[in-house]
C-alpha atoms as a PDB file:
ATOM      1  CA  MET A   1      70.183 -96.257  33.930  1.00  0.00           C
ATOM      2  CA  GLU A   2      66.943 -95.864  31.984  1.00  0.00           C
ATOM      3  CA  VAL A   3      66.971 -93.913  28.744  1.00  0.00           C
ATOM      4  CA  ASN A   4      63.812 -92.554  27.116  1.00  0.00           C
ATOM      5  CA  PRO A   5      63.429 -93.798  23.546  1.00  0.00           C
ATOM      6  CA  PRO A   6      63.449 -91.067  20.884  1.00  0.00           C
ATOM      7  CA  LYS A   7      60.012 -89.792  19.971  1.00  0.00           C
ATOM      8  CA  GLN A   8      59.008 -91.209  16.607  1.00  0.00           C
ATOM      9  CA  GLU A   9      57.602 -88.879  13.975  1.00  0.00           C
ATOM     10  CA  HIS A  10      54.157 -89.759  12.709  1.00  0.00           C
ATOM     11  CA  LEU A  11      53.501 -90.267   9.015  1.00  0.00           C
ATOM     12  CA  LEU A  12      50.123 -88.529   9.233  1.00  0.00           C
ATOM     13  CA  ALA A  13      49.278 -84.950  10.206  1.00  0.00           C
ATOM     14  CA  LEU A  14      46.014 -83.971  11.891  1.00  0.00           C
ATOM     15  CA  LYS A  15      44.500 -80.532  11.313  1.00  0.00           C
ATOM     16  CA  VAL A  16      41.321 -79.313  12.996  1.00  0.00           C
ATOM     17  CA  MET A  17      39.534 -76.038  12.263  1.00  0.00           C
ATOM     18  CA  ARG A  18      36.339 -74.727  13.808  1.00  0.00           C
ATOM     19  CA  LEU A  19      33.866 -73.661  11.151  1.00  0.00           C
ATOM     20  CA  THR A  20      32.472 -70.215  11.912  1.00  0.00           C
ATOM     21  CA  LYS A  21      31.299 -67.195  10.017  1.00  0.00           C
ATOM     22  CA  PRO A  22      34.351 -65.450   8.558  1.00  0.00           C
ATOM     23  CA  THR A  23      35.472 -62.018   9.685  1.00  0.00           C
ATOM     24  CA  LEU A  24      36.952 -59.231   7.612  1.00  0.00           C
ATOM     25  CA  PHE A  25      40.661 -58.476   7.749  1.00  0.00           C
ATOM     26  CA  THR A  26      41.391 -55.125   9.367  1.00  0.00           C
ATOM     27  CA  ASN A  27      44.293 -52.913   8.382  1.00  0.00           C
ATOM     28  CA  ILE A  28      46.209 -50.629  10.689  1.00  0.00           C
ATOM     29  CA  PRO A  29      46.161 -47.259   8.961  1.00  0.00           C
ATOM     30  CA  VAL A  30      49.392 -45.325   8.701  1.00  0.00           C
ATOM     31  CA  THR A  31      48.671 -41.946   7.204  1.00  0.00           C
ATOM     32  CA  CYS A  32      50.531 -38.701   6.978  1.00  0.00           C
ATOM     33  CA  GLU A  33      49.982 -35.174   5.767  1.00  0.00           C
ATOM     34  CA  GLU A  34      51.282 -34.144   2.369  1.00  0.00           C
ATOM     35  CA  LYS A  35      53.552 -31.614   4.116  1.00  0.00           C
ATOM     36  CA  ASP A  36      55.207 -34.334   6.254  1.00  0.00           C
ATOM     37  CA  LEU A  37      58.637 -35.709   5.313  1.00  0.00           C
ATOM     38  CA  PRO A  38      57.391 -38.898   3.571  1.00  0.00           C
ATOM     39  CA  GLY A  39      54.841 -36.851   1.658  1.00  0.00           C
ATOM     40  CA  ASP A  40      52.134 -39.000   0.106  1.00  0.00           C
ATOM     41  CA  LEU A  41      54.231 -42.198   0.316  1.00  0.00           C
ATOM     42  CA  PHE A  42      52.214 -43.976   3.059  1.00  0.00           C
ATOM     43  CA  ASN A  43      48.878 -42.982   1.540  1.00  0.00           C
ATOM     44  CA  GLN A  44      49.980 -44.270  -1.881  1.00  0.00           C
ATOM     45  CA  LEU A  45      51.143 -47.583  -0.384  1.00  0.00           C
ATOM     46  CA  MET A  46      47.787 -47.989   1.364  1.00  0.00           C
ATOM     47  CA  ARG A  47      45.900 -47.272  -1.874  1.00  0.00           C
ATOM     48  CA  ASP A  48      48.013 -49.926  -3.644  1.00  0.00           C
ATOM     49  CA  ASP A  49      47.430 -52.546  -0.904  1.00  0.00           C
ATOM     50  CA  PRO A  50      45.107 -55.258  -2.319  1.00  0.00           C
ATOM     51  CA  SER A  51      43.452 -55.824   1.078  1.00  0.00           C
ATOM     52  CA  THR A  52      42.014 -52.304   1.424  1.00  0.00           C
ATOM     53  CA  VAL A  53      38.660 -51.049   0.213  1.00  0.00           C
ATOM     54  CA  ASN A  54      39.074 -48.453  -2.531  1.00  0.00           C
ATOM     55  CA  GLY A  55      38.173 -44.982  -1.312  1.00  0.00           C
ATOM     56  CA  ALA A  56      38.120 -46.037   2.343  1.00  0.00           C
ATOM     57  CA  GLU A  57      41.787 -46.761   3.015  1.00  0.00           C
ATOM     58  CA  ILE A  58      41.904 -45.020   6.407  1.00  0.00           C
ATOM     59  CA  LEU A  59      38.824 -46.798   7.823  1.00  0.00           C
ATOM     60  CA  MET A  60      40.811 -49.985   8.644  1.00  0.00           C
ATOM     61  CA  LEU A  61      38.249 -52.172   6.844  1.00  0.00           C
ATOM     62  CA  GLY A  62      39.565 -54.701   4.349  1.00  0.00           C
ATOM     63  CA  GLU A  63      38.072 -56.774   1.554  1.00  0.00           C
ATOM     64  CA  MET A  64      39.820 -59.991   2.582  1.00  0.00           C
ATOM     65  CA  LEU A  65      38.381 -62.580   4.958  1.00  0.00           C
ATOM     66  CA  THR A  66      40.427 -64.090   7.771  1.00  0.00           C
ATOM     67  CA  LEU A  67      40.356 -67.571   9.234  1.00  0.00           C
ATOM     68  CA  PRO A  68      39.827 -68.006  12.973  1.00  0.00           C
ATOM     69  CA  GLN A  69      43.070 -68.415  14.927  1.00  0.00           C
ATOM     70  CA  ASN A  70      41.577 -70.334  17.878  1.00  0.00           C
ATOM     71  CA  PHE A  71      38.425 -72.184  18.869  1.00  0.00           C
ATOM     72  CA  GLY A  72      37.106 -69.185  20.783  1.00  0.00           C
ATOM     73  CA  ASN A  73      33.910 -69.234  22.824  1.00  0.00           C
ATOM     74  CA  ILE A  74      30.702 -71.008  21.910  1.00  0.00           C
ATOM     75  CA  PHE A  75      27.315 -70.177  23.356  1.00  0.00           C
ATOM     76  CA  LEU A  76      24.778 -72.623  24.755  1.00  0.00           C
ATOM     77  CA  GLY A  77      22.390 -73.842  22.042  1.00  0.00           C
ATOM     78  CA  GLU A  78      24.819 -73.002  19.235  1.00  0.00           C
ATOM     79  CA  THR A  79      25.854 -75.737  16.799  1.00  0.00           C
ATOM     80  CA  PHE A  80      29.545 -76.572  17.088  1.00  0.00           C
ATOM     81  CA  SER A  81      30.945 -77.377  13.633  1.00  0.00           C
ATOM     82  CA  SER A  82      34.495 -78.439  12.922  1.00  0.00           C
ATOM     83  CA  TYR A  83      36.546 -79.558   9.920  1.00  0.00           C
ATOM     84  CA  ILE A  84      38.938 -82.457  10.549  1.00  0.00           C
ATOM     85  CA  SER A  85      41.650 -83.362   8.059  1.00  0.00           C
ATOM     86  CA  VAL A  86      44.229 -86.157   8.230  1.00  0.00           C
ATOM     87  CA  HIS A  87      46.996 -85.728   5.645  1.00  0.00           C
ATOM     88  CA  ASN A  88      49.668 -88.254   4.662  1.00  0.00           C
ATOM     89  CA  ASP A  89      52.882 -86.203   4.847  1.00  0.00           C
ATOM     90  CA  SER A  90      55.120 -89.200   4.177  1.00  0.00           C
ATOM     91  CA  ASN A  91      56.214 -90.887   0.953  1.00  0.00           C
ATOM     92  CA  GLN A  92      54.727 -94.256   1.886  1.00  0.00           C
ATOM     93  CA  VAL A  93      51.243 -95.731   1.772  1.00  0.00           C
ATOM     94  CA  VAL A  94      49.530 -95.930   5.168  1.00  0.00           C
ATOM     95  CA  LYS A  95      46.854 -98.545   5.890  1.00  0.00           C
ATOM     96  CA  ASP A  96      43.857 -99.031   8.189  1.00  0.00           C
ATOM     97  CA  ILE A  97      43.413 -95.368   9.118  1.00  0.00           C
ATOM     98  CA  LEU A  98      40.797 -94.759  11.795  1.00  0.00           C
ATOM     99  CA  VAL A  99      39.885 -91.193  12.779  1.00  0.00           C
ATOM    100  CA  LYS A 100      37.749 -90.686  15.891  1.00  0.00           C
ATOM    101  CA  ALA A 101      36.362 -87.386  17.146  1.00  0.00           C
ATOM    102  CA  ASP A 102      34.848 -87.274  20.633  1.00  0.00           C
ATOM    103  CA  LEU A 103      33.444 -84.308  22.516  1.00  0.00           C
ATOM    104  CA  GLN A 104      34.122 -84.554  26.233  1.00  0.00           C
ATOM    105  CA  THR A 105      32.049 -82.482  28.652  1.00  0.00           C
ATOM    106  CA  SER A 106      31.971 -82.456  32.441  1.00  0.00           C
ATOM    107  CA  SER A 107      29.274 -85.153  32.458  1.00  0.00           C
ATOM    108  CA  GLN A 108      29.635 -87.214  29.279  1.00  0.00           C
ATOM    109  CA  ARG A 109      31.719 -88.188  26.257  1.00  0.00           C
ATOM    110  CA  LEU A 110      30.002 -88.067  22.842  1.00  0.00           C
ATOM    111  CA  ASN A 111      31.228 -89.718  19.655  1.00  0.00           C
ATOM    112  CA  LEU A 112      30.951 -87.182  16.802  1.00  0.00           C
ATOM    113  CA  SER A 113      32.625 -89.228  14.050  1.00  0.00           C
ATOM    114  CA  ALA A 114      30.500 -89.750  10.963  1.00  0.00           C
ATOM    115  CA  SER A 115      31.943 -93.212  10.364  1.00  0.00           C
ATOM    116  CA  ASN A 116      33.530 -95.779  12.661  1.00  0.00           C
ATOM    117  CA  ALA A 117      34.966 -97.765   9.749  1.00  0.00           C
ATOM    118  CA  ALA A 118      38.680 -97.601   8.980  1.00  0.00           C
ATOM    119  CA  VAL A 119      39.900 -96.275   5.624  1.00  0.00           C
ATOM    120  CA  ALA A 120      41.747 -99.099   3.839  1.00  0.00           C
ATOM    121  CA  GLU A 121      44.735 -97.032   2.662  1.00  0.00           C
ATOM    122  CA  LEU A 122      45.966 -93.480   2.269  1.00  0.00           C
ATOM    123  CA  LYS A 123      48.517 -92.710  -0.431  1.00  0.00           C
ATOM    124  CA  PRO A 124      51.228 -90.037  -0.057  1.00  0.00           C
ATOM    125  CA  ASP A 125      49.973 -86.420  -0.277  1.00  0.00           C
ATOM    126  CA  CYS A 126      46.355 -87.570   0.060  1.00  0.00           C
ATOM    127  CA  CYS A 127      43.992 -86.757   2.898  1.00  0.00           C
ATOM    128  CA  ILE A 128      40.850 -87.845   4.715  1.00  0.00           C
ATOM    129  CA  ASP A 129      38.404 -85.017   5.432  1.00  0.00           C
ATOM    130  CA  ASP A 130      35.384 -84.929   7.699  1.00  0.00           C
ATOM    131  CA  VAL A 131      33.027 -82.262   9.027  1.00  0.00           C
ATOM    132  CA  ILE A 132      31.368 -82.797  12.387  1.00  0.00           C
ATOM    133  CA  HIS A 133      28.366 -80.989  13.897  1.00  0.00           C
ATOM    134  CA  HIS A 134      26.948 -81.006  17.411  1.00  0.00           C
ATOM    135  CA  GLU A 135      24.383 -78.817  19.167  1.00  0.00           C
ATOM    136  CA  VAL A 136      25.931 -77.740  22.464  1.00  0.00           C
ATOM    137  CA  LYS A 137      23.560 -78.410  25.380  1.00  0.00           C
ATOM    138  CA  GLU A 138      25.845 -78.019  28.387  1.00  0.00           C
ATOM    139  CA  ILE A 139      27.666 -75.017  29.879  1.00  0.00           C
ATOM    140  CA  GLY A 140      31.331 -75.235  30.862  1.00  0.00           C
ATOM    141  CA  THR A 141      34.602 -76.555  29.506  1.00  0.00           C
ATOM    142  CA  HIS A 142      34.415 -78.884  26.514  1.00  0.00           C
ATOM    143  CA  ILE A 143      37.299 -80.804  24.973  1.00  0.00           C
ATOM    144  CA  LEU A 144      37.334 -82.071  21.390  1.00  0.00           C
ATOM    145  CA  VAL A 145      39.468 -85.225  21.389  1.00  0.00           C
ATOM    146  CA  CYS A 146      40.700 -86.316  17.953  1.00  0.00           C
ATOM    147  CA  ALA A 147      42.403 -89.714  17.801  1.00  0.00           C
ATOM    148  CA  VAL A 148      44.120 -91.230  14.760  1.00  0.00           C
ATOM    149  CA  SER A 149      45.314 -94.828  14.482  1.00  0.00           C
ATOM    150  CA  TYR A 150      46.984 -96.380  11.451  1.00  0.00           C
ATOM    151  CA  THR A 151      49.370 -99.098  10.273  1.00  0.00           C
ATOM    152  CA  THR A 152      52.683 -98.340   8.539  1.00  0.00           C
ATOM    153  CA  GLN A 153      54.012-100.254   5.531  1.00  0.00           C
ATOM    154  CA  GLY A 154      56.196-102.246   7.924  1.00  0.00           C
ATOM    155  CA  GLY A 155      53.097-103.406   9.835  1.00  0.00           C
ATOM    156  CA  GLU A 156      53.701-101.200  12.884  1.00  0.00           C
ATOM    157  CA  LYS A 157      50.531 -99.934  14.583  1.00  0.00           C
ATOM    158  CA  MET A 158      50.681 -96.196  15.333  1.00  0.00           C
ATOM    159  CA  TYR A 159      48.365 -93.981  17.378  1.00  0.00           C
ATOM    160  CA  PHE A 160      48.191 -90.315  18.391  1.00  0.00           C
ATOM    161  CA  ARG A 161      45.666 -87.880  19.863  1.00  0.00           C
ATOM    162  CA  LYS A 162      45.156 -84.130  19.940  1.00  0.00           C
ATOM    163  CA  PHE A 163      43.012 -82.138  22.357  1.00  0.00           C
ATOM    164  CA  PHE A 164      41.178 -78.874  21.638  1.00  0.00           C
ATOM    165  CA  LYS A 165      39.655 -77.126  24.648  1.00  0.00           C
ATOM    166  CA  PHE A 166      36.913 -74.497  24.413  1.00  0.00           C
ATOM    167  CA  GLN A 167      34.370 -72.824  26.678  1.00  0.00           C
ATOM    168  CA  VAL A 168      30.580 -72.928  26.334  1.00  0.00           C
ATOM    169  CA  LEU A 169      28.993 -69.790  27.794  1.00  0.00           C
ATOM    170  CA  LYS A 170      25.453 -68.658  28.592  1.00  0.00           C
ATOM    171  CA  PRO A 171      24.110 -66.549  25.722  1.00  0.00           C
ATOM    172  CA  LEU A 172      21.827 -64.595  28.033  1.00  0.00           C
ATOM    173  CA  ASP A 173      21.577 -64.373  31.794  1.00  0.00           C
ATOM    174  CA  VAL A 174      18.250 -63.198  33.234  1.00  0.00           C
ATOM    175  CA  LYS A 175      17.816 -62.623  36.963  1.00  0.00           C
ATOM    176  CA  THR A 176      14.481 -61.702  38.468  1.00  0.00           C
ATOM    177  CA  LYS A 177      13.488 -60.428  41.904  1.00  0.00           C
ATOM    178  CA  PHE A 178      10.004 -60.385  43.353  1.00  0.00           C
ATOM    179  CA  TYR A 179       8.894 -57.854  45.951  1.00  0.00           C
ATOM    180  CA  ASN A 180       5.759 -58.077  48.051  1.00  0.00           C
ATOM    181  CA  ALA A 181       3.773 -54.862  47.895  1.00  0.00           C
ATOM    182  CA  GLU A 182       1.591 -54.430  50.964  1.00  0.00           C
END
């Protein structure tokens, strides 16, 4: 009988965030008339909320910015920018860390990593950060493949990958028809 070995936890954590223009946080307004049972309670709570714009509480517009929750869509010709961070979550020093970022399209695989050299060591609670940029020139599904390899203190070689899929769309679609006028 074959038993699957337990999945080993990695000492490093990989975080990837697409860099885009930030959006404003929107509030869901809950208002009531002064004659209603709660009185002015909801309106007072909304005025005291730090994320609302003073004087415009019921407009749902906030002063706080929000981070994107997914990669979203990218349009052809746009520059894809992403922040990659590898953090040492363990209490031991990790050696020979190599972070690779590749962009895979339907026709090719591009290396986007700024450096192909390994970082000698990464102490606990420290991180390696990188920002990658690429002008998108192909329509369709793209996959950002981030691979991390490292060596533990015991000399064990470790490796893991994460995949981030996103769509590249046409920014504008123009169709023309010609008619012969006789």
